[in-house]
PDB file of all heavy atoms in Angstrom:
ATOM      1  N   ARG A   1       0.640 -37.079  -6.029  1.00  0.00           N
ATOM      2  CA  ARG A   1       0.867 -35.636  -5.936  1.00  0.00           C
ATOM      3  C   ARG A   1       2.160 -35.334  -5.180  1.00  0.00           C
ATOM      4  O   ARG A   1       2.910 -34.429  -5.551  1.00  0.00           O
ATOM      5  CB  ARG A   1      -0.322 -34.955  -5.265  1.00  0.00           C
ATOM      6  CG  ARG A   1      -1.522 -34.863  -6.168  1.00  0.00           C
ATOM      7  CD  ARG A   1      -2.688 -34.202  -5.479  1.00  0.00           C
ATOM      8  NE  ARG A   1      -3.773 -33.979  -6.417  1.00  0.00           N
ATOM      9  CZ  ARG A   1      -5.015 -33.724  -6.054  1.00  0.00           C
ATOM     10  NH1 ARG A   1      -5.333 -33.627  -4.763  1.00  0.00           N
ATOM     11  NH2 ARG A   1      -5.958 -33.544  -6.968  1.00  0.00           N
ATOM     12  N   SER A   2       2.418 -36.081  -4.137  1.00  0.00           N
ATOM     13  CA  SER A   2       3.654 -35.889  -3.382  1.00  0.00           C
ATOM     14  C   SER A   2       4.874 -36.255  -4.223  1.00  0.00           C
ATOM     15  O   SER A   2       5.869 -35.522  -4.244  1.00  0.00           O
ATOM     16  CB  SER A   2       3.633 -36.730  -2.101  1.00  0.00           C
ATOM     17  OG  SER A   2       2.616 -36.292  -1.241  1.00  0.00           O
ATOM     18  N   LEU A   3       4.799 -37.379  -4.917  1.00  0.00           N
ATOM     19  CA  LEU A   3       5.898 -37.800  -5.780  1.00  0.00           C
ATOM     20  C   LEU A   3       6.131 -36.773  -6.885  1.00  0.00           C
ATOM     21  O   LEU A   3       7.276 -36.399  -7.173  1.00  0.00           O
ATOM     22  CB  LEU A   3       5.591 -39.173  -6.381  1.00  0.00           C
ATOM     23  CG  LEU A   3       6.759 -39.939  -6.969  1.00  0.00           C
ATOM     24  CD1 LEU A   3       7.775 -40.303  -5.898  1.00  0.00           C
ATOM     25  CD2 LEU A   3       6.260 -41.206  -7.645  1.00  0.00           C
ATOM     26  N   ALA A   4       5.056 -36.274  -7.466  1.00  0.00           N
ATOM     27  CA  ALA A   4       5.167 -35.243  -8.507  1.00  0.00           C
ATOM     28  C   ALA A   4       5.795 -33.976  -7.939  1.00  0.00           C
ATOM     29  O   ALA A   4       6.667 -33.365  -8.570  1.00  0.00           O
ATOM     30  CB  ALA A   4       3.789 -34.942  -9.099  1.00  0.00           C
ATOM     31  N   GLY A   5       5.379 -33.581  -6.756  1.00  0.00           N
ATOM     32  CA  GLY A   5       5.956 -32.400  -6.128  1.00  0.00           C
ATOM     33  C   GLY A   5       7.443 -32.553  -5.857  1.00  0.00           C
ATOM     34  O   GLY A   5       8.224 -31.626  -6.067  1.00  0.00           O
ATOM     35  N   LEU A   6       7.842 -33.717  -5.402  1.00  0.00           N
ATOM     36  CA  LEU A   6       9.259 -33.960  -5.144  1.00  0.00           C
ATOM     37  C   LEU A   6      10.098 -33.923  -6.416  1.00  0.00           C
ATOM     38  O   LEU A   6      11.270 -33.563  -6.383  1.00  0.00           O
ATOM     39  CB  LEU A   6       9.447 -35.294  -4.419  1.00  0.00           C
ATOM     40  CG  LEU A   6       9.027 -35.300  -2.954  1.00  0.00           C
ATOM     41  CD1 LEU A   6       8.887 -36.710  -2.424  1.00  0.00           C
ATOM     42  CD2 LEU A   6      10.025 -34.509  -2.115  1.00  0.00           C
ATOM     43  N   THR A   7       9.505 -34.286  -7.542  1.00  0.00           N
ATOM     44  CA  THR A   7      10.239 -34.239  -8.803  1.00  0.00           C
ATOM     45  C   THR A   7      10.098 -32.887  -9.499  1.00  0.00           C
ATOM     46  O   THR A   7      10.747 -32.648 -10.519  1.00  0.00           O
ATOM     47  CB  THR A   7       9.785 -35.355  -9.768  1.00  0.00           C
ATOM     48  OG1 THR A   7       8.396 -35.229 -10.022  1.00  0.00           O
ATOM     49  CG2 THR A   7      10.113 -36.723  -9.203  1.00  0.00           C
ATOM     50  N   GLY A   8       9.256 -32.007  -8.977  1.00  0.00           N
ATOM     51  CA  GLY A   8       9.162 -30.648  -9.480  1.00  0.00           C
ATOM     52  C   GLY A   8       8.321 -30.452 -10.726  1.00  0.00           C
ATOM     53  O   GLY A   8       8.412 -29.411 -11.362  1.00  0.00           O
ATOM     54  N   VAL A   9       7.491 -31.426 -11.072  1.00  0.00           N
ATOM     55  CA  VAL A   9       6.656 -31.258 -12.261  1.00  0.00           C
ATOM     56  C   VAL A   9       5.433 -30.403 -11.925  1.00  0.00           C
ATOM     57  O   VAL A   9       5.050 -30.269 -10.772  1.00  0.00           O
ATOM     58  CB  VAL A   9       6.212 -32.610 -12.866  1.00  0.00           C
ATOM     59  CG1 VAL A   9       7.416 -33.425 -13.286  1.00  0.00           C
ATOM     60  CG2 VAL A   9       5.338 -33.385 -11.908  1.00  0.00           C
ATOM     61  N   GLU A  10       4.826 -29.875 -12.953  1.00  0.00           N
ATOM     62  CA  GLU A  10       3.641 -29.046 -12.760  1.00  0.00           C
ATOM     63  C   GLU A  10       2.420 -29.911 -12.455  1.00  0.00           C
ATOM     64  O   GLU A  10       2.346 -31.065 -12.872  1.00  0.00           O
ATOM     65  CB  GLU A  10       3.380 -28.211 -14.005  1.00  0.00           C
ATOM     66  CG  GLU A  10       4.452 -27.171 -14.249  1.00  0.00           C
ATOM     67  CD  GLU A  10       4.116 -26.256 -15.396  1.00  0.00           C
ATOM     68  OE1 GLU A  10       2.923 -26.120 -15.741  1.00  0.00           O
ATOM     69  OE2 GLU A  10       5.052 -25.668 -15.938  1.00  0.00           O
ATOM     70  N   GLU A  11       1.468 -29.324 -11.758  1.00  0.00           N
ATOM     71  CA  GLU A  11       0.214 -30.012 -11.456  1.00  0.00           C
ATOM     72  C   GLU A  11      -0.447 -30.428 -12.769  1.00  0.00           C
ATOM     73  O   GLU A  11      -0.451 -29.676 -13.743  1.00  0.00           O
ATOM     74  CB  GLU A  11      -0.716 -29.092 -10.679  1.00  0.00           C
ATOM     75  CG  GLU A  11      -1.945 -29.794 -10.159  1.00  0.00           C
ATOM     76  CD  GLU A  11      -2.783 -28.908  -9.270  1.00  0.00           C
ATOM     77  OE1 GLU A  11      -2.247 -27.950  -8.687  1.00  0.00           O
ATOM     78  OE2 GLU A  11      -3.979 -29.183  -9.168  1.00  0.00           O
ATOM     79  N   GLY A  12      -0.974 -31.617 -12.792  1.00  0.00           N
ATOM     80  CA  GLY A  12      -1.647 -32.123 -13.977  1.00  0.00           C
ATOM     81  C   GLY A  12      -0.741 -32.904 -14.925  1.00  0.00           C
ATOM     82  O   GLY A  12      -1.202 -33.380 -15.955  1.00  0.00           O
ATOM     83  N   THR A  13       0.537 -33.027 -14.591  1.00  0.00           N
ATOM     84  CA  THR A  13       1.439 -33.817 -15.419  1.00  0.00           C
ATOM     85  C   THR A  13       0.965 -35.268 -15.419  1.00  0.00           C
ATOM     86  O   THR A  13       0.639 -35.814 -14.363  1.00  0.00           O
ATOM     87  CB  THR A  13       2.885 -33.724 -14.881  1.00  0.00           C
ATOM     88  OG1 THR A  13       3.297 -32.363 -14.922  1.00  0.00           O
ATOM     89  CG2 THR A  13       3.835 -34.587 -15.698  1.00  0.00           C
ATOM     90  N   PRO A  14       0.893 -35.912 -16.569  1.00  0.00           N
ATOM     91  CA  PRO A  14       0.425 -37.305 -16.631  1.00  0.00           C
ATOM     92  C   PRO A  14       1.266 -38.234 -15.755  1.00  0.00           C
ATOM     93  O   PRO A  14       2.484 -38.045 -15.614  1.00  0.00           O
ATOM     94  CB  PRO A  14       0.577 -37.668 -18.109  1.00  0.00           C
ATOM     95  CG  PRO A  14       0.526 -36.367 -18.831  1.00  0.00           C
ATOM     96  CD  PRO A  14       1.162 -35.377 -17.903  1.00  0.00           C
ATOM     97  N   VAL A  15       0.604 -39.223 -15.198  1.00  0.00           N
ATOM     98  CA  VAL A  15       1.246 -40.170 -14.295  1.00  0.00           C
ATOM     99  C   VAL A  15       2.457 -40.827 -14.944  1.00  0.00           C
ATOM    100  O   VAL A  15       3.501 -41.003 -14.307  1.00  0.00           O
ATOM    101  CB  VAL A  15       0.220 -41.229 -13.811  1.00  0.00           C
ATOM    102  CG1 VAL A  15       0.910 -42.362 -13.085  1.00  0.00           C
ATOM    103  CG2 VAL A  15      -0.824 -40.580 -12.923  1.00  0.00           C
ATOM    104  N   ALA A  16       2.364 -41.181 -16.209  1.00  0.00           N
ATOM    105  CA  ALA A  16       3.483 -41.842 -16.891  1.00  0.00           C
ATOM    106  C   ALA A  16       4.725 -40.946 -16.920  1.00  0.00           C
ATOM    107  O   ALA A  16       5.847 -41.438 -16.775  1.00  0.00           O
ATOM    108  CB  ALA A  16       3.077 -42.232 -18.307  1.00  0.00           C
ATOM    109  N   GLU A  17       4.529 -39.646 -17.085  1.00  0.00           N
ATOM    110  CA  GLU A  17       5.666 -38.723 -17.075  1.00  0.00           C
ATOM    111  C   GLU A  17       6.270 -38.605 -15.679  1.00  0.00           C
ATOM    112  O   GLU A  17       7.488 -38.555 -15.530  1.00  0.00           O
ATOM    113  CB  GLU A  17       5.241 -37.349 -17.581  1.00  0.00           C
ATOM    114  CG  GLU A  17       4.985 -37.292 -19.067  1.00  0.00           C
ATOM    115  CD  GLU A  17       4.602 -35.894 -19.530  1.00  0.00           C
ATOM    116  OE1 GLU A  17       5.183 -34.907 -19.013  1.00  0.00           O
ATOM    117  OE2 GLU A  17       3.725 -35.795 -20.398  1.00  0.00           O
ATOM    118  N   VAL A  18       5.415 -38.548 -14.670  1.00  0.00           N
ATOM    119  CA  VAL A  18       5.900 -38.494 -13.288  1.00  0.00           C
ATOM    120  C   VAL A  18       6.690 -39.760 -12.983  1.00  0.00           C
ATOM    121  O   VAL A  18       7.785 -39.704 -12.415  1.00  0.00           O
ATOM    122  CB  VAL A  18       4.740 -38.323 -12.284  1.00  0.00           C
ATOM    123  CG1 VAL A  18       5.242 -38.429 -10.848  1.00  0.00           C
ATOM    124  CG2 VAL A  18       4.022 -37.001 -12.508  1.00  0.00           C
ATOM    125  N   GLU A  19       6.169 -40.894 -13.392  1.00  0.00           N
ATOM    126  CA  GLU A  19       6.833 -42.172 -13.148  1.00  0.00           C
ATOM    127  C   GLU A  19       8.202 -42.220 -13.823  1.00  0.00           C
ATOM    128  O   GLU A  19       9.191 -42.640 -13.217  1.00  0.00           O
ATOM    129  CB  GLU A  19       5.960 -43.318 -13.648  1.00  0.00           C
ATOM    130  CG  GLU A  19       6.524 -44.678 -13.368  1.00  0.00           C
ATOM    131  CD  GLU A  19       5.609 -45.791 -13.824  1.00  0.00           C
ATOM    132  OE1 GLU A  19       4.748 -45.564 -14.693  1.00  0.00           O
ATOM    133  OE2 GLU A  19       5.773 -46.910 -13.305  1.00  0.00           O
ATOM    134  N   ALA A  20       8.284 -41.769 -15.069  1.00  0.00           N
ATOM    135  CA  ALA A  20       9.555 -41.775 -15.798  1.00  0.00           C
ATOM    136  C   ALA A  20      10.574 -40.842 -15.142  1.00  0.00           C
ATOM    137  O   ALA A  20      11.752 -41.192 -15.001  1.00  0.00           O
ATOM    138  CB  ALA A  20       9.329 -41.392 -17.252  1.00  0.00           C
ATOM    139  N   LEU A  21      10.121 -39.674 -14.741  1.00  0.00           N
ATOM    140  CA  LEU A  21      11.029 -38.730 -14.091  1.00  0.00           C
ATOM    141  C   LEU A  21      11.479 -39.259 -12.733  1.00  0.00           C
ATOM    142  O   LEU A  21      12.658 -39.166 -12.377  1.00  0.00           O
ATOM    143  CB  LEU A  21      10.366 -37.366 -13.945  1.00  0.00           C
ATOM    144  CG  LEU A  21      11.258 -36.239 -13.446  1.00  0.00           C
ATOM    145  CD1 LEU A  21      12.504 -36.074 -14.318  1.00  0.00           C
ATOM    146  CD2 LEU A  21      10.479 -34.941 -13.384  1.00  0.00           C
ATOM    147  N   ALA A  22      10.554 -39.832 -11.984  1.00  0.00           N
ATOM    148  CA  ALA A  22      10.902 -40.400 -10.675  1.00  0.00           C
ATOM    149  C   ALA A  22      11.955 -41.492 -10.822  1.00  0.00           C
ATOM    150  O   ALA A  22      12.846 -41.624  -9.979  1.00  0.00           O
ATOM    151  CB  ALA A  22       9.663 -40.938  -9.987  1.00  0.00           C
ATOM    152  N   ALA A  23      11.874 -42.268 -11.887  1.00  0.00           N
ATOM    153  CA  ALA A  23      12.858 -43.332 -12.122  1.00  0.00           C
ATOM    154  C   ALA A  23      14.245 -42.752 -12.393  1.00  0.00           C
ATOM    155  O   ALA A  23      15.257 -43.391 -12.105  1.00  0.00           O
ATOM    156  CB  ALA A  23      12.408 -44.203 -13.283  1.00  0.00           C
ATOM    157  N   ALA A  24      14.310 -41.547 -12.937  1.00  0.00           N
ATOM    158  CA  ALA A  24      15.588 -40.922 -13.254  1.00  0.00           C
ATOM    159  C   ALA A  24      16.218 -40.218 -12.047  1.00  0.00           C
ATOM    160  O   ALA A  24      17.423 -39.990 -12.023  1.00  0.00           O
ATOM    161  CB  ALA A  24      15.413 -39.923 -14.397  1.00  0.00           C
ATOM    162  N   TYR A  25      15.407 -39.872 -11.068  1.00  0.00           N
ATOM    163  CA  TYR A  25      15.913 -39.205  -9.868  1.00  0.00           C
ATOM    164  C   TYR A  25      16.706 -40.171  -8.999  1.00  0.00           C
ATOM    165  O   TYR A  25      16.533 -41.382  -9.082  1.00  0.00           O
ATOM    166  CB  TYR A  25      14.741 -38.653  -9.052  1.00  0.00           C
ATOM    167  CG  TYR A  25      14.437 -37.193  -9.306  1.00  0.00           C
ATOM    168  CD1 TYR A  25      14.007 -36.751 -10.547  1.00  0.00           C
ATOM    169  CD2 TYR A  25      14.570 -36.261  -8.289  1.00  0.00           C
ATOM    170  CE1 TYR A  25      13.728 -35.410 -10.773  1.00  0.00           C
ATOM    171  CE2 TYR A  25      14.288 -34.920  -8.502  1.00  0.00           C
ATOM    172  CZ  TYR A  25      13.875 -34.506  -9.747  1.00  0.00           C
ATOM    173  OH  TYR A  25      13.595 -33.187  -9.953  1.00  0.00           O
ATOM    174  N   ARG A  26      17.544 -39.618  -8.123  1.00  0.00           N
ATOM    175  CA  ARG A  26      18.196 -40.397  -7.071  1.00  0.00           C
ATOM    176  C   ARG A  26      17.434 -40.116  -5.776  1.00  0.00           C
ATOM    177  O   ARG A  26      17.194 -38.955  -5.433  1.00  0.00           O
ATOM    178  CB  ARG A  26      19.665 -39.998  -6.936  1.00  0.00           C
ATOM    179  CG  ARG A  26      20.489 -40.583  -8.084  1.00  0.00           C
ATOM    180  CD  ARG A  26      21.893 -40.094  -8.032  1.00  0.00           C
ATOM    181  NE  ARG A  26      21.864 -38.733  -8.588  1.00  0.00           N
ATOM    182  CZ  ARG A  26      22.912 -37.951  -8.695  1.00  0.00           C
ATOM    183  NH1 ARG A  26      24.077 -38.348  -8.277  1.00  0.00           N
ATOM    184  NH2 ARG A  26      22.807 -36.740  -9.214  1.00  0.00           N
ATOM    185  N   TRP A  27      17.054 -41.171  -5.087  1.00  0.00           N
ATOM    186  CA  TRP A  27      16.203 -41.068  -3.904  1.00  0.00           C
ATOM    187  C   TRP A  27      16.958 -41.543  -2.672  1.00  0.00           C
ATOM    188  O   TRP A  27      17.716 -42.503  -2.731  1.00  0.00           O
ATOM    189  CB  TRP A  27      14.947 -41.917  -4.084  1.00  0.00           C
ATOM    190  CG  TRP A  27      14.098 -41.434  -5.209  1.00  0.00           C
ATOM    191  CD1 TRP A  27      14.150 -41.859  -6.512  1.00  0.00           C
ATOM    192  CD2 TRP A  27      13.105 -40.420  -5.159  1.00  0.00           C
ATOM    193  NE1 TRP A  27      13.228 -41.169  -7.260  1.00  0.00           N
ATOM    194  CE2 TRP A  27      12.572 -40.282  -6.470  1.00  0.00           C
ATOM    195  CE3 TRP A  27      12.604 -39.616  -4.149  1.00  0.00           C
ATOM    196  CZ2 TRP A  27      11.570 -39.376  -6.775  1.00  0.00           C
ATOM    197  CZ3 TRP A  27      11.597 -38.707  -4.445  1.00  0.00           C
ATOM    198  CH2 TRP A  27      11.087 -38.597  -5.744  1.00  0.00           C
ATOM    199  N   TYR A  28      16.687 -40.865  -1.566  1.00  0.00           N
ATOM    200  CA  TYR A  28      17.318 -41.214  -0.299  1.00  0.00           C
ATOM    201  C   TYR A  28      16.285 -41.078   0.819  1.00  0.00           C
ATOM    202  O   TYR A  28      15.392 -40.240   0.757  1.00  0.00           O
ATOM    203  CB  TYR A  28      18.472 -40.254   0.022  1.00  0.00           C
ATOM    204  CG  TYR A  28      19.545 -40.219  -1.028  1.00  0.00           C
ATOM    205  CD1 TYR A  28      19.466 -39.341  -2.109  1.00  0.00           C
ATOM    206  CD2 TYR A  28      20.649 -41.059  -0.944  1.00  0.00           C
ATOM    207  CE1 TYR A  28      20.452 -39.304  -3.078  1.00  0.00           C
ATOM    208  CE2 TYR A  28      21.640 -41.033  -1.915  1.00  0.00           C
ATOM    209  CZ  TYR A  28      21.533 -40.149  -2.977  1.00  0.00           C
ATOM    210  OH  TYR A  28      22.506 -40.121  -3.940  1.00  0.00           O
ATOM    211  N   SER A  29      16.467 -41.888   1.828  1.00  0.00           N
ATOM    212  CA  SER A  29      15.777 -41.644   3.094  1.00  0.00           C
ATOM    213  C   SER A  29      16.870 -41.167   4.048  1.00  0.00           C
ATOM    214  O   SER A  29      18.054 -41.442   3.836  1.00  0.00           O
ATOM    215  CB  SER A  29      15.093 -42.908   3.608  1.00  0.00           C
ATOM    216  OG  SER A  29      16.033 -43.923   3.854  1.00  0.00           O
ATOM    217  N   PHE A  30      16.464 -40.423   5.065  1.00  0.00           N
ATOM    218  CA  PHE A  30      17.485 -39.943   5.990  1.00  0.00           C
ATOM    219  C   PHE A  30      16.979 -39.953   7.420  1.00  0.00           C
ATOM    220  O   PHE A  30      15.782 -40.031   7.681  1.00  0.00           O
ATOM    221  CB  PHE A  30      18.000 -38.553   5.592  1.00  0.00           C
ATOM    222  CG  PHE A  30      17.030 -37.422   5.783  1.00  0.00           C
ATOM    223  CD1 PHE A  30      17.043 -36.661   6.946  1.00  0.00           C
ATOM    224  CD2 PHE A  30      16.118 -37.094   4.800  1.00  0.00           C
ATOM    225  CE1 PHE A  30      16.170 -35.607   7.109  1.00  0.00           C
ATOM    226  CE2 PHE A  30      15.237 -36.035   4.948  1.00  0.00           C
ATOM    227  CZ  PHE A  30      15.259 -35.288   6.112  1.00  0.00           C
ATOM    228  N   GLY A  31      17.910 -39.902   8.329  1.00  0.00           N
ATOM    229  CA  GLY A  31      17.608 -39.847   9.746  1.00  0.00           C
ATOM    230  C   GLY A  31      18.569 -38.881  10.422  1.00  0.00           C
ATOM    231  O   GLY A  31      19.643 -38.588   9.892  1.00  0.00           O
ATOM    232  N   THR A  32      18.165 -38.374  11.572  1.00  0.00           N
ATOM    233  CA  THR A  32      19.012 -37.443  12.317  1.00  0.00           C
ATOM    234  C   THR A  32      18.946 -37.773  13.802  1.00  0.00           C
ATOM    235  O   THR A  32      18.054 -38.490  14.258  1.00  0.00           O
ATOM    236  CB  THR A  32      18.558 -35.977  12.142  1.00  0.00           C
ATOM    237  OG1 THR A  32      17.378 -35.767  12.917  1.00  0.00           O
ATOM    238  CG2 THR A  32      18.309 -35.631  10.702  1.00  0.00           C
ATOM    239  N   ASP A  33      19.870 -37.210  14.522  1.00  0.00           N
ATOM    240  CA  ASP A  33      19.841 -37.319  15.978  1.00  0.00           C
ATOM    241  C   ASP A  33      19.371 -36.004  16.608  1.00  0.00           C
ATOM    242  O   ASP A  33      19.632 -35.728  17.762  1.00  0.00           O
ATOM    243  CB  ASP A  33      21.214 -37.714  16.506  1.00  0.00           C
ATOM    244  CG  ASP A  33      22.287 -36.685  16.207  1.00  0.00           C
ATOM    245  OD1 ASP A  33      21.998 -35.694  15.497  1.00  0.00           O
ATOM    246  OD2 ASP A  33      23.422 -36.853  16.683  1.00  0.00           O
ATOM    247  N   SER A  34      18.657 -35.197  15.839  1.00  0.00           N
ATOM    248  CA  SER A  34      18.282 -33.851  16.281  1.00  0.00           C
ATOM    249  C   SER A  34      17.162 -33.821  17.321  1.00  0.00           C
ATOM    250  O   SER A  34      16.960 -32.809  17.960  1.00  0.00           O
ATOM    251  CB  SER A  34      17.831 -33.013  15.080  1.00  0.00           C
ATOM    252  OG  SER A  34      16.591 -33.488  14.587  1.00  0.00           O
ATOM    253  N   GLY A  35      16.416 -34.900  17.450  1.00  0.00           N
ATOM    254  CA  GLY A  35      15.261 -34.898  18.349  1.00  0.00           C
ATOM    255  C   GLY A  35      13.987 -34.416  17.675  1.00  0.00           C
ATOM    256  O   GLY A  35      12.914 -34.452  18.275  1.00  0.00           O
ATOM    257  N   TRP A  36      14.074 -33.958  16.438  1.00  0.00           N
ATOM    258  CA  TRP A  36      12.890 -33.494  15.709  1.00  0.00           C
ATOM    259  C   TRP A  36      11.974 -34.659  15.368  1.00  0.00           C
ATOM    260  O   TRP A  36      10.762 -34.548  15.481  1.00  0.00           O
ATOM    261  CB  TRP A  36      13.324 -32.762  14.442  1.00  0.00           C
ATOM    262  CG  TRP A  36      12.240 -31.989  13.763  1.00  0.00           C
ATOM    263  CD1 TRP A  36      11.839 -30.720  14.055  1.00  0.00           C
ATOM    264  CD2 TRP A  36      11.435 -32.412  12.655  1.00  0.00           C
ATOM    265  NE1 TRP A  36      10.824 -30.337  13.201  1.00  0.00           N
ATOM    266  CE2 TRP A  36      10.555 -31.360  12.328  1.00  0.00           C
ATOM    267  CE3 TRP A  36      11.365 -33.585  11.907  1.00  0.00           C
ATOM    268  CZ2 TRP A  36       9.640 -31.430  11.310  1.00  0.00           C
ATOM    269  CZ3 TRP A  36      10.447 -33.670  10.874  1.00  0.00           C
ATOM    270  CH2 TRP A  36       9.598 -32.597  10.582  1.00  0.00           C
TER     271      TRP A  36
END
């Protein structure tokens, strides 16, 4: 559900579609010095 939300698909989208879209996205992790 989190992965689907990050890719912007609607609830109930089949897992295979979420997986294919996730593969097409560019993903990053990030860090800050903000103290948050």
